[in-house]
Amino acid sequence: MAKPAQGAMYRGSIRDFPDFDPNQDAETLYTAMKGFGSDKEAILELITSRSNRQRQEICQSYKSLYGKDLIADLKYELTGKFERLIVGLMRPLAYCDAKEIKDAISGIGTDEKCLIEILASRTNEQIHQLVAAYKDAYERDLEADIIGDTSGHFQKMLVVLLQGTREEDDVVSEDLVQQDAQDLYEAGELKWGTDEAQFIYILGNRSKQHLRLVFDEYLKTTGKPIEASIREELSGDFEKLMLAVVKCIRSTPEYFAERLFKAMKGLGTRDNTLIRIMVSRSELDMLDIREIFRTKYEKSLYSMIKNDTSGEYKKALLKLCGGDDDAAGQFFPEAAQVAYQMWELSAVTRVELKGTVCPASDFNPDADAKALRKAMKGLGTDEDAIIDIVTHRSNAQRQQIRQTFKSHFGRDLMADLKSELSGDLARLILGLMMPPAHYDAKQLKKAMEGAGTDEKALIEILATRTNAEIQAINEAYKEDYHKSLEDALSSDTSGHFKRILISLATGNREEGGEDRDQAREDAKEIADTSSGDKTSLETRFMTVLCTRSYPHLRRVFQEFIKMTNYDVEHTIKKEMSGDVRDAFVAIVQSVKNKPLFFADKLYKSMKGAGTDEKTLTRIMVSRSENDLFNIRREFVEKYDKSLHQAIEGDTSGDFMKALLAICGGED
């Protein structure tokens, strides 16, 4: 097991057991496995309370005392996931990694995710130990086996990582940092095609400290993080490997926190990933992983394991986790500071927003109008032709088609589409045919009419639109419904929630940059929760969240973390409730990362039993020319499956075809 650097604080969750006696432990394990059945509780209690070094001594004592192989006996007595976990703990880390890689490349198919996780995250010393352990255990050369089972640039990068020759010098040359940032820029963004060899050489060999500065320089030079360029320039397993390398350079614990979250979220658990990480990090950085997990996912690693696993397997995992960070009910300072650093990075990131629907080249409104008329004339309707035209034209082009259709045929295209199509497809196609402001106005009207109010739709639209978009919505609402949006909101909502919506509906948010002094004052204003006066607190939050510019609010959120050791979102959830809480959370999430906000909404609209087609349609229509490409990226990053796959798995027929056309591609 790798030791912490001299003077570094130990961050593992498993430590050497005091008053350790390997013979006594060997005897306890022998007794636990003797006779009919085995005492699993005794086995897990002992093995998860000893360090890896001590477990090796127990193995040796067991063989000396009983002439038997302890791992073989454990395999015989235990079964399933619990057996895999306990046996994994009994192997030295290098041999555990060697076994994982052997399994990943044996048989039909390759487990690329396992190869990526291990080779992207291990230190030089751990890589050298892994190569030696593989040779010792299987009498084979690991590099030769990797080459035999992989190909292309993915293979080349794995081979580079297998050398374990990453520079380890902390002295960084400023000139070389600038040169590497420029070389990466020229190898990707500035080149027709991509020079993958340059990415491999720099990301595979430079020291972590050097690369962190290269990433900062790259962001300054290009206005986008290196991850965004990798996603644009590379593809497939090679892209995934390079992103994993970048994540591990930035923060190995954060990489593993994300892997653990993805292993347990949604239906089913990826137990192999969960076991591998819990075993391999328990004596390295489990405490750091726990802190980051709590910060990023609003719940402790302990609580997620507890809810996602069962039996002795769960008990053993919880022992490796080493503690519940939800117990105190709040962030600990280290985690808050991690969050602060993440905000520092996001504050300087300028992400180019891209839609998935672009104006059609060689656009001919006359031909399109005729094709649509033909698709709807006579018996039956040619839905494919309608979908193909409507989803591959920009909104401005669709308005020209509507005008041309009326000029040619003296008919209202919208009325014809409405009579020919039905259900979800009709709502989607008609939504695409409306000007964006009129579409949003209609969605707001629908959210307020009839019995009950769709507060989620009101929040989603008003919390995410720009001033210009809000002003256009106000005009469209007045034009279409002969009533002001403010009056409609006033008569359909009440209390603080009404005040928040009306404030957002004025479209008067400041549009300048950040003011650091004012940001500190604003953070102070909303940080004071001591009075217990909920009305006053909600008013203070409204004043800041509904009026300040996005760049300024990002700075406020950073200052808030510095002052309180809380993320502002957690404070809102703790101190407020109902629609007021939901509105403030939506504003905060939109400020932090608007594409991620919509990715979350899309995921929730399709997860579980049944689909929320209204939300799905509303977001796909309204974001298709704004930032749907970015939403797709956030979706695949967070949920480990593409938006395309989610739509394909959750919808059907012509509705699915139209949604996939708007989605614009598979990530």
Foldseek 3Di string as FASTA:
>chain_A
DDDDPVPDDFAFQADAAPPDDLLVLLVQQCVQLPDDAGVLVSLLVVLLNHQQVSLQSNQVNNCVVPVDGSLVSLPVRDDDLSNVLSSLLSDPLLLSLLVQQCVQQDDPHGPLVSLLLVLLADALVSLVSNQVNNCVPPVDGPLVSLPVRDDDLLNVLSNLSSNNAADADLDEDPVVLLVLLVQCCCQFVVDDAGPSVSLSVPLSHYHLNSVVSSQVNNCVVPLAGPLVRLVVRDDDSSSVSSVSNVVSSVPSLLSLLLQLCLQQPAPHGVSVSLSSCLSNCNRHRLNVNQLQNCLPPVAGSLVSLVVRDDDSSSVSSNSSSNDGPCVVVAHDLVSLVVVLVVLVVLLSHDDDFFFQADADPPDDLLVLLVQCCVQQDDPAGNLVSLLVVLLRHQQVSLQVNQVNNCVVPVDGSLVSLCVRDDDLVNVLSSLSNDDLLLSLLVQCVVQQDDPHGVLVSLLLVLLADALVSLVSNQVNNCVPPVDGPLVSLPVRDDDLLSVLSSLSSNSQADADAADLVVLLVLLVQLLPCPVVPLNSNLVSLSVPLSHYHLNRVSSSQSSNCVVPVHGVLSVLVVRHDDSSSVNSNLNVVSSSPVLLSLLVQCCVQQGDPHGVSVSNSSCLSNCNGTHLVVNQVSNCSNNVAGSLVSLVVRDDDSSSVSSNSSSNDGD
